[in-house]
Amino acid sequence: MSAWRAGQGRPGPQSCSAGMRDGCSIVLLLLATSGYAVFVTNLHAACFRCLCHAANECSTNRACSMGYCGPFSISHIYWADAGRHVLPDDHPNPKEAYETCVQDYDCATNTVTGYMEKYGRDCNGDGVTNCDDYVMIHYNGGGSCEKPITDKLYKKRYNSCRAAAIAVD
């Protein structure tokens, strides 16, 4: 089967060789029923809690400050890069939709997921893409995730949350 990436359209029958028709049919069926959902490895509820805890202790009550909003401290550029997620029935006016989405925990997690779908990778070179990488991506941006986290409070909050999450698992 030819290579296929999200955003390039569904692979069609022309992508499948004659000997692979049954396998391709299954893949096409899975793609059609999945709605193109991309699974982001190791991005789970505990990781989301640690990402927002590191950002601002998961506060949804703080007003936008210095260009960052919501429990994950998401910037307008990050939100746009992640796919401009909006609340159900919300009009996607860039300023208002951004602020209402990223201040809502569920919409903000959709935004973070969209960002990680786009930029998720092994940033620390340990051979595994997990929450340690996602926190580096979230803090440094998708194109600079190899950089260390320099904000000591951010790093301390993440590490304490991560240790607590591991103890629960």
N, C-alpha and C. Protein backbone atom coordinates (compact mmCIF):
# COMPACT_ATOMS: atom_id res chain seq x y z
N MET A 1 0.85 -1.16 0.00
CA MET A 1 0.00 0.00 0.00
C MET A 1 0.90 1.23 0.00
N SER A 2 0.49 2.26 -0.68
CA SER A 2 1.30 3.47 -0.73
C SER A 2 1.23 4.20 0.60
N ALA A 3 2.22 5.03 0.86
CA ALA A 3 2.25 5.79 2.12
C ALA A 3 1.08 6.76 2.14
N TRP A 4 0.50 6.93 3.32
CA TRP A 4 -0.62 7.85 3.48
C TRP A 4 -0.41 8.62 4.76
N ARG A 5 -0.67 9.91 4.72
CA ARG A 5 -0.57 10.75 5.90
C ARG A 5 -1.86 11.52 6.08
N ALA A 6 -2.17 11.84 7.32
CA ALA A 6 -3.38 12.62 7.61
C ALA A 6 -3.36 13.89 6.80
N GLY A 7 -4.51 14.29 6.34
CA GLY A 7 -4.62 15.53 5.58
C GLY A 7 -4.46 15.32 4.09
N GLN A 8 -4.09 14.14 3.65
CA GLN A 8 -3.90 13.89 2.23
C GLN A 8 -5.09 13.16 1.62
N GLY A 9 -6.16 13.01 2.35
CA GLY A 9 -7.32 12.29 1.84
C GLY A 9 -7.18 10.81 2.11
N ARG A 10 -8.29 10.14 2.06
CA ARG A 10 -8.28 8.70 2.31
C ARG A 10 -7.61 7.98 1.15
N PRO A 11 -6.87 6.91 1.45
CA PRO A 11 -6.33 6.12 0.36
C PRO A 11 -7.47 5.40 -0.34
N GLY A 12 -7.42 5.34 -1.61
CA GLY A 12 -8.47 4.67 -2.38
C GLY A 12 -8.02 3.32 -2.85
N PRO A 13 -8.88 2.63 -3.58
CA PRO A 13 -8.54 1.31 -4.08
C PRO A 13 -7.30 1.32 -4.96
N GLN A 14 -7.03 2.45 -5.62
CA GLN A 14 -5.84 2.51 -6.47
C GLN A 14 -4.56 2.39 -5.65
N SER A 15 -4.64 2.54 -4.32
CA SER A 15 -3.48 2.43 -3.45
C SER A 15 -3.14 0.98 -3.15
N CYS A 16 -4.06 0.07 -3.41
CA CYS A 16 -3.90 -1.31 -3.01
C CYS A 16 -3.55 -2.18 -4.20
N SER A 17 -2.57 -3.04 -4.02
CA SER A 17 -2.26 -3.99 -5.07
C SER A 17 -3.31 -5.09 -5.05
N ALA A 18 -3.40 -5.84 -6.13
CA ALA A 18 -4.43 -6.88 -6.25
C ALA A 18 -4.35 -7.88 -5.11
N GLY A 19 -3.17 -8.21 -4.66
CA GLY A 19 -3.01 -9.20 -3.60
C GLY A 19 -3.34 -8.68 -2.21
N MET A 20 -3.54 -7.39 -2.08
CA MET A 20 -3.78 -6.80 -0.76
C MET A 20 -5.18 -6.21 -0.64
N ARG A 21 -6.08 -6.49 -1.53
CA ARG A 21 -7.42 -5.88 -1.53
C ARG A 21 -8.16 -6.09 -0.20
N ASP A 22 -8.15 -7.32 0.34
CA ASP A 22 -8.88 -7.56 1.58
C ASP A 22 -8.30 -6.75 2.73
N GLY A 23 -6.98 -6.73 2.84
CA GLY A 23 -6.33 -5.95 3.90
C GLY A 23 -6.60 -4.47 3.74
N CYS A 24 -6.57 -4.00 2.51
CA CYS A 24 -6.84 -2.58 2.25
C CYS A 24 -8.28 -2.24 2.56
N SER A 25 -9.19 -3.16 2.29
CA SER A 25 -10.60 -2.92 2.60
C SER A 25 -10.79 -2.73 4.09
N ILE A 26 -10.10 -3.54 4.88
CA ILE A 26 -10.19 -3.41 6.33
C ILE A 26 -9.62 -2.07 6.78
N VAL A 27 -8.48 -1.68 6.24
CA VAL A 27 -7.87 -0.39 6.58
C VAL A 27 -8.81 0.74 6.20
N LEU A 28 -9.39 0.67 5.01
CA LEU A 28 -10.32 1.72 4.57
C LEU A 28 -11.54 1.78 5.47
N LEU A 29 -12.06 0.62 5.88
CA LEU A 29 -13.20 0.59 6.78
C LEU A 29 -12.85 1.22 8.12
N LEU A 30 -11.70 0.89 8.65
CA LEU A 30 -11.27 1.47 9.91
C LEU A 30 -11.11 2.98 9.80
N LEU A 31 -10.52 3.45 8.71
CA LEU A 31 -10.37 4.89 8.51
C LEU A 31 -11.72 5.57 8.39
N ALA A 32 -12.63 4.96 7.67
CA ALA A 32 -13.96 5.55 7.47
C ALA A 32 -14.73 5.63 8.78
N THR A 33 -14.60 4.62 9.63
CA THR A 33 -15.35 4.63 10.89
C THR A 33 -14.64 5.39 11.98
N SER A 34 -13.37 5.65 11.83
CA SER A 34 -12.63 6.35 12.88
C SER A 34 -12.78 7.85 12.80
N GLY A 35 -13.24 8.38 11.71
CA GLY A 35 -13.34 9.82 11.58
C GLY A 35 -11.97 10.47 11.57
N TYR A 36 -10.97 9.74 11.14
CA TYR A 36 -9.60 10.23 11.07
C TYR A 36 -8.99 10.51 12.43
N ALA A 37 -9.52 9.98 13.49
CA ALA A 37 -8.94 10.21 14.81
C ALA A 37 -7.50 9.70 14.82
N VAL A 38 -6.62 10.51 15.31
CA VAL A 38 -5.22 10.12 15.41
C VAL A 38 -4.95 9.80 16.87
N PHE A 39 -4.41 8.63 17.13
CA PHE A 39 -4.10 8.25 18.50
C PHE A 39 -2.72 8.79 18.84
N VAL A 40 -2.65 9.52 19.92
CA VAL A 40 -1.38 10.07 20.38
C VAL A 40 -0.93 9.19 21.54
N THR A 41 0.13 8.44 21.33
CA THR A 41 0.64 7.50 22.32
C THR A 41 0.94 8.18 23.65
N ASN A 42 0.51 7.57 24.73
CA ASN A 42 0.81 8.01 26.09
C ASN A 42 0.30 9.39 26.46
N LEU A 43 -0.64 9.93 25.72
CA LEU A 43 -1.26 11.20 26.09
C LEU A 43 -2.60 10.84 26.73
N HIS A 44 -2.59 10.71 28.05
CA HIS A 44 -3.74 10.22 28.79
C HIS A 44 -4.12 11.21 29.88
N ALA A 45 -5.16 10.90 30.62
CA ALA A 45 -5.70 11.82 31.62
C ALA A 45 -4.64 12.28 32.63
N ALA A 46 -3.79 11.37 33.09
CA ALA A 46 -2.76 11.75 34.06
C ALA A 46 -1.76 12.72 33.43
N CYS A 47 -1.44 12.51 32.17
CA CYS A 47 -0.52 13.43 31.48
C CYS A 47 -1.16 14.80 31.34
N PHE A 48 -2.44 14.85 30.95
CA PHE A 48 -3.12 16.15 30.85
C PHE A 48 -3.10 16.87 32.20
N ARG A 49 -3.36 16.13 33.28
CA ARG A 49 -3.34 16.75 34.61
C ARG A 49 -1.96 17.33 34.91
N CYS A 50 -0.92 16.61 34.57
CA CYS A 50 0.44 17.11 34.85
C CYS A 50 0.81 18.29 33.95
N LEU A 51 0.35 18.27 32.70
CA LEU A 51 0.62 19.41 31.80
C LEU A 51 -0.06 20.67 32.32
N CYS A 52 -1.31 20.55 32.74
CA CYS A 52 -1.99 21.76 33.22
C CYS A 52 -1.48 22.15 34.60
N HIS A 53 -1.12 21.17 35.43
CA HIS A 53 -0.56 21.49 36.75
C HIS A 53 0.76 22.26 36.60
N ALA A 54 1.58 21.84 35.67
CA ALA A 54 2.85 22.54 35.43
C ALA A 54 2.60 23.96 34.92
N ALA A 55 1.61 24.11 34.05
CA ALA A 55 1.35 25.41 33.43
C ALA A 55 0.84 26.44 34.43
N ASN A 56 -0.19 26.09 35.19
CA ASN A 56 -0.70 27.06 36.18
C ASN A 56 -1.60 26.40 37.22
N GLU A 57 -1.24 25.20 37.59
CA GLU A 57 -1.99 24.43 38.58
C GLU A 57 -3.44 24.19 38.17
N CYS A 58 -3.66 24.07 36.87
CA CYS A 58 -4.97 23.75 36.28
C CYS A 58 -6.05 24.79 36.57
N SER A 59 -5.66 26.01 36.79
CA SER A 59 -6.64 27.05 37.11
C SER A 59 -7.46 27.44 35.88
N THR A 60 -8.77 27.36 36.03
CA THR A 60 -9.67 27.84 34.97
C THR A 60 -10.25 29.19 35.36
N ASN A 61 -9.87 29.71 36.51
CA ASN A 61 -10.42 30.97 37.01
C ASN A 61 -9.58 32.19 36.66
N ARG A 62 -8.37 32.00 36.22
CA ARG A 62 -7.50 33.13 35.90
C ARG A 62 -7.86 33.72 34.54
N ALA A 63 -7.82 35.03 34.49
CA ALA A 63 -8.03 35.71 33.20
C ALA A 63 -6.80 35.48 32.33
N CYS A 64 -6.96 35.69 31.05
CA CYS A 64 -5.81 35.58 30.14
C CYS A 64 -4.75 36.57 30.59
N SER A 65 -3.51 36.13 30.58
CA SER A 65 -2.41 36.97 31.04
C SER A 65 -1.22 36.82 30.11
N MET A 66 -0.71 37.93 29.65
CA MET A 66 0.47 37.98 28.79
C MET A 66 0.34 37.05 27.57
N GLY A 67 -0.88 36.96 27.03
CA GLY A 67 -1.09 36.17 25.82
C GLY A 67 -1.33 34.69 26.03
N TYR A 68 -1.51 34.27 27.27
CA TYR A 68 -1.74 32.86 27.59
C TYR A 68 -3.03 32.73 28.39
N CYS A 69 -3.82 31.71 28.07
CA CYS A 69 -5.12 31.54 28.70
C CYS A 69 -5.37 30.10 29.12
N GLY A 70 -6.21 29.96 30.13
CA GLY A 70 -6.76 28.67 30.50
C GLY A 70 -5.86 27.80 31.34
N PRO A 71 -6.36 26.61 31.68
CA PRO A 71 -5.64 25.72 32.58
C PRO A 71 -4.31 25.21 32.03
N PHE A 72 -4.13 25.27 30.71
CA PHE A 72 -2.87 24.83 30.10
C PHE A 72 -2.00 26.00 29.66
N SER A 73 -2.44 27.24 29.93
CA SER A 73 -1.71 28.45 29.50
C SER A 73 -1.40 28.39 28.00
N ILE A 74 -2.44 28.34 27.20
CA ILE A 74 -2.31 28.20 25.75
C ILE A 74 -2.34 29.56 25.07
N SER A 75 -1.40 29.78 24.17
CA SER A 75 -1.36 31.03 23.40
C SER A 75 -2.29 30.92 22.19
N HIS A 76 -2.61 32.07 21.61
CA HIS A 76 -3.45 32.09 20.41
C HIS A 76 -2.77 31.34 19.26
N ILE A 77 -1.47 31.50 19.12
CA ILE A 77 -0.73 30.82 18.04
C ILE A 77 -0.79 29.30 18.23
N TYR A 78 -0.60 28.83 19.45
CA TYR A 78 -0.66 27.39 19.76
C TYR A 78 -2.04 26.86 19.40
N TRP A 79 -3.10 27.59 19.83
CA TRP A 79 -4.48 27.20 19.55
C TRP A 79 -4.73 27.09 18.05
N ALA A 80 -4.28 28.09 17.31
CA ALA A 80 -4.46 28.08 15.85
C ALA A 80 -3.68 26.93 15.22
N ASP A 81 -2.46 26.71 15.67
CA ASP A 81 -1.62 25.64 15.14
C ASP A 81 -2.21 24.26 15.43
N ALA A 82 -2.95 24.16 16.52
CA ALA A 82 -3.55 22.89 16.94
C ALA A 82 -4.85 22.58 16.21
N GLY A 83 -5.35 23.53 15.42
CA GLY A 83 -6.56 23.27 14.65
C GLY A 83 -7.75 24.14 14.99
N ARG A 84 -7.56 25.18 15.79
CA ARG A 84 -8.64 26.13 16.13
C ARG A 84 -9.89 25.43 16.67
N HIS A 85 -9.71 24.62 17.68
CA HIS A 85 -10.84 23.93 18.30
C HIS A 85 -11.78 24.95 18.92
N VAL A 86 -13.07 24.65 18.90
CA VAL A 86 -14.08 25.53 19.48
C VAL A 86 -15.05 24.71 20.32
N LEU A 87 -15.74 25.39 21.21
CA LEU A 87 -16.78 24.74 21.99
C LEU A 87 -17.94 24.37 21.07
N PRO A 88 -18.73 23.37 21.43
CA PRO A 88 -19.89 23.03 20.59
C PRO A 88 -20.78 24.25 20.38
N ASP A 89 -21.22 24.45 19.18
CA ASP A 89 -22.11 25.56 18.80
C ASP A 89 -21.48 26.94 18.95
N ASP A 90 -20.18 27.01 19.12
CA ASP A 90 -19.51 28.31 19.23
C ASP A 90 -19.09 28.77 17.84
N HIS A 91 -19.17 30.05 17.61
CA HIS A 91 -18.74 30.63 16.33
C HIS A 91 -17.22 30.75 16.37
N PRO A 92 -16.54 30.31 15.33
CA PRO A 92 -15.08 30.34 15.36
C PRO A 92 -14.45 31.71 15.11
N ASN A 93 -15.03 32.78 15.69
CA ASN A 93 -14.38 34.09 15.64
C ASN A 93 -13.05 33.93 16.37
N PRO A 94 -11.95 34.23 15.71
CA PRO A 94 -10.64 33.90 16.27
C PRO A 94 -10.39 34.32 17.72
N LYS A 95 -10.67 35.55 18.09
CA LYS A 95 -10.35 35.98 19.45
C LYS A 95 -11.28 35.35 20.48
N GLU A 96 -12.58 35.44 20.25
CA GLU A 96 -13.53 34.92 21.22
C GLU A 96 -13.51 33.40 21.30
N ALA A 97 -13.45 32.73 20.16
CA ALA A 97 -13.43 31.26 20.16
C ALA A 97 -12.18 30.74 20.85
N TYR A 98 -11.06 31.39 20.62
CA TYR A 98 -9.81 31.00 21.28
C TYR A 98 -9.95 31.09 22.79
N GLU A 99 -10.39 32.23 23.29
CA GLU A 99 -10.46 32.42 24.74
C GLU A 99 -11.48 31.49 25.38
N THR A 100 -12.65 31.33 24.78
CA THR A 100 -13.64 30.45 25.40
C THR A 100 -13.21 28.99 25.34
N CYS A 101 -12.55 28.59 24.27
CA CYS A 101 -12.10 27.21 24.16
C CYS A 101 -11.00 26.90 25.17
N VAL A 102 -9.95 27.67 25.18
CA VAL A 102 -8.80 27.30 26.01
C VAL A 102 -9.06 27.50 27.50
N GLN A 103 -10.13 28.22 27.86
CA GLN A 103 -10.49 28.35 29.27
C GLN A 103 -11.42 27.22 29.72
N ASP A 104 -11.91 26.43 28.79
CA ASP A 104 -12.72 25.26 29.08
C ASP A 104 -11.80 24.04 29.07
N TYR A 105 -11.79 23.27 30.16
CA TYR A 105 -10.83 22.17 30.28
C TYR A 105 -10.93 21.18 29.12
N ASP A 106 -12.14 20.76 28.77
CA ASP A 106 -12.29 19.76 27.70
C ASP A 106 -11.85 20.30 26.34
N CYS A 107 -12.24 21.52 26.02
CA CYS A 107 -11.83 22.10 24.75
C CYS A 107 -10.32 22.33 24.73
N ALA A 108 -9.77 22.72 25.88
CA ALA A 108 -8.32 22.91 25.97
C ALA A 108 -7.58 21.59 25.78
N THR A 109 -8.11 20.50 26.34
CA THR A 109 -7.45 19.20 26.12
C THR A 109 -7.52 18.79 24.66
N ASN A 110 -8.62 19.13 23.99
CA ASN A 110 -8.70 18.87 22.54
C ASN A 110 -7.64 19.68 21.79
N THR A 111 -7.41 20.90 22.25
CA THR A 111 -6.38 21.75 21.63
C THR A 111 -5.00 21.14 21.84
N VAL A 112 -4.71 20.73 23.07
CA VAL A 112 -3.41 20.10 23.36
C VAL A 112 -3.25 18.83 22.54
N THR A 113 -4.31 18.03 22.45
CA THR A 113 -4.25 16.81 21.64
C THR A 113 -3.94 17.14 20.19
N GLY A 114 -4.62 18.15 19.64
CA GLY A 114 -4.36 18.56 18.26
C GLY A 114 -2.92 18.99 18.06
N TYR A 115 -2.38 19.69 19.04
CA TYR A 115 -0.99 20.16 18.95
C TYR A 115 -0.03 18.97 19.00
N MET A 116 -0.31 18.01 19.88
CA MET A 116 0.56 16.84 20.00
C MET A 116 0.43 15.92 18.78
N GLU A 117 -0.76 15.88 18.17
CA GLU A 117 -0.91 15.11 16.92
C GLU A 117 0.01 15.68 15.86
N LYS A 118 0.16 16.98 15.87
CA LYS A 118 0.98 17.64 14.86
C LYS A 118 2.47 17.56 15.19
N TYR A 119 2.83 17.75 16.45
CA TYR A 119 4.24 17.88 16.82
C TYR A 119 4.79 16.75 17.69
N GLY A 120 3.94 15.83 18.13
CA GLY A 120 4.39 14.79 19.05
C GLY A 120 5.54 13.97 18.51
N ARG A 121 6.58 13.84 19.33
CA ARG A 121 7.75 13.04 18.98
C ARG A 121 8.62 12.85 20.21
N ASP A 122 9.65 12.07 20.08
CA ASP A 122 10.58 11.81 21.18
C ASP A 122 11.54 12.99 21.29
N CYS A 123 11.31 13.86 22.24
CA CYS A 123 12.12 15.08 22.38
C CYS A 123 13.37 14.87 23.24
N ASN A 124 13.30 13.96 24.20
CA ASN A 124 14.42 13.78 25.12
C ASN A 124 15.35 12.64 24.71
N GLY A 125 15.07 11.99 23.58
CA GLY A 125 15.98 10.99 23.04
C GLY A 125 16.01 9.67 23.78
N ASP A 126 14.96 9.36 24.56
CA ASP A 126 14.97 8.09 25.29
C ASP A 126 14.31 6.95 24.52
N GLY A 127 13.89 7.23 23.28
CA GLY A 127 13.30 6.20 22.44
C GLY A 127 11.81 5.97 22.65
N VAL A 128 11.20 6.74 23.54
CA VAL A 128 9.77 6.60 23.83
C VAL A 128 9.13 7.99 23.75
N THR A 129 7.98 8.08 23.12
CA THR A 129 7.23 9.34 23.12
C THR A 129 6.18 9.24 24.22
N ASN A 130 6.36 10.05 25.26
CA ASN A 130 5.45 10.00 26.39
C ASN A 130 5.25 11.40 26.98
N CYS A 131 4.68 11.47 28.16
CA CYS A 131 4.34 12.76 28.75
C CYS A 131 5.58 13.63 28.98
N ASP A 132 6.72 13.03 29.24
CA ASP A 132 7.95 13.82 29.39
C ASP A 132 8.25 14.59 28.11
N ASP A 133 7.97 14.00 26.98
CA ASP A 133 8.15 14.67 25.69
C ASP A 133 7.05 15.72 25.47
N TYR A 134 5.82 15.37 25.83
CA TYR A 134 4.70 16.30 25.63
C TYR A 134 4.87 17.57 26.46
N VAL A 135 5.41 17.43 27.66
CA VAL A 135 5.62 18.64 28.47
C VAL A 135 6.69 19.52 27.83
N MET A 136 7.69 18.93 27.22
CA MET A 136 8.73 19.70 26.53
C MET A 136 8.15 20.39 25.29
N ILE A 137 7.28 19.69 24.57
CA ILE A 137 6.62 20.27 23.39
C ILE A 137 5.71 21.40 23.82
N HIS A 138 4.93 21.16 24.88
CA HIS A 138 3.99 22.17 25.35
C HIS A 138 4.72 23.43 25.83
N TYR A 139 5.83 23.24 26.51
CA TYR A 139 6.59 24.37 27.06
C TYR A 139 7.40 25.11 25.99
N ASN A 140 8.11 24.36 25.16
CA ASN A 140 9.04 24.97 24.19
C ASN A 140 8.45 25.22 22.81
N GLY A 141 7.33 24.59 22.51
CA GLY A 141 6.78 24.66 21.16
C GLY A 141 7.23 23.45 20.36
N GLY A 142 6.44 23.12 19.36
CA GLY A 142 6.68 21.91 18.58
C GLY A 142 8.01 21.85 17.87
N GLY A 143 8.52 22.97 17.43
CA GLY A 143 9.76 22.96 16.67
C GLY A 143 11.02 23.01 17.52
N SER A 144 10.87 23.18 18.83
CA SER A 144 12.04 23.35 19.70
C SER A 144 11.98 22.45 20.92
N CYS A 145 11.38 21.30 20.78
CA CYS A 145 11.12 20.51 21.98
C CYS A 145 12.37 19.91 22.62
N GLU A 146 13.48 19.87 21.92
CA GLU A 146 14.70 19.30 22.52
C GLU A 146 15.28 20.19 23.61
N LYS A 147 14.90 21.45 23.62
CA LYS A 147 15.43 22.38 24.62
C LYS A 147 14.95 21.98 26.01
N PRO A 148 15.79 22.18 27.01
CA PRO A 148 15.34 21.87 28.38
C PRO A 148 14.31 22.90 28.85
N ILE A 149 13.51 22.51 29.81
CA ILE A 149 12.55 23.43 30.42
C ILE A 149 13.33 24.30 31.40
N THR A 150 13.33 25.60 31.16
CA THR A 150 14.14 26.51 31.97
C THR A 150 13.39 27.12 33.15
N ASP A 151 12.08 27.12 33.11
CA ASP A 151 11.28 27.67 34.21
C ASP A 151 11.28 26.66 35.36
N LYS A 152 11.96 27.00 36.45
CA LYS A 152 12.13 26.05 37.55
C LYS A 152 10.81 25.66 38.20
N LEU A 153 9.89 26.61 38.36
CA LEU A 153 8.60 26.30 38.97
C LEU A 153 7.79 25.36 38.07
N TYR A 154 7.79 25.63 36.78
CA TYR A 154 7.09 24.79 35.81
C TYR A 154 7.62 23.36 35.89
N LYS A 155 8.95 23.23 35.87
CA LYS A 155 9.59 21.92 35.91
C LYS A 155 9.30 21.21 37.24
N LYS A 156 9.35 21.95 38.34
CA LYS A 156 9.08 21.37 39.66
C LYS A 156 7.64 20.87 39.74
N ARG A 157 6.69 21.68 39.26
CA ARG A 157 5.29 21.26 39.28
C ARG A 157 5.08 20.00 38.44
N TYR A 158 5.67 19.97 37.25
CA TYR A 158 5.52 18.80 36.39
C TYR A 158 6.11 17.56 37.06
N ASN A 159 7.33 17.67 37.56
CA ASN A 159 8.00 16.52 38.17
C ASN A 159 7.25 15.99 39.38
N SER A 160 6.70 16.89 40.22
CA SER A 160 5.96 16.42 41.40
C SER A 160 4.66 15.74 40.97
N CYS A 161 3.99 16.28 39.97
CA CYS A 161 2.76 15.67 39.47
C CYS A 161 3.07 14.31 38.84
N ARG A 162 4.12 14.25 38.07
CA ARG A 162 4.51 13.01 37.39
C ARG A 162 4.82 11.92 38.42
N ALA A 163 5.56 12.29 39.48
CA ALA A 163 5.90 11.32 40.52
C ALA A 163 4.63 10.81 41.21
N ALA A 164 3.68 11.69 41.46
CA ALA A 164 2.41 11.28 42.08
C ALA A 164 1.61 10.39 41.13
N ALA A 165 1.62 10.71 39.85
CA ALA A 165 0.88 9.91 38.86
C ALA A 165 1.48 8.52 38.73
N ILE A 166 2.80 8.42 38.77
CA ILE A 166 3.47 7.12 38.67
C ILE A 166 3.16 6.29 39.91
N ALA A 167 3.12 6.93 41.08
CA ALA A 167 2.83 6.21 42.32
C ALA A 167 1.42 5.61 42.29
N VAL A 168 0.49 6.28 41.62
CA VAL A 168 -0.89 5.79 41.52
C VAL A 168 -0.98 4.63 40.55
N ASP A 169 -0.21 4.68 39.45
CA ASP A 169 -0.24 3.61 38.45
C ASP A 169 0.31 2.37 39.06
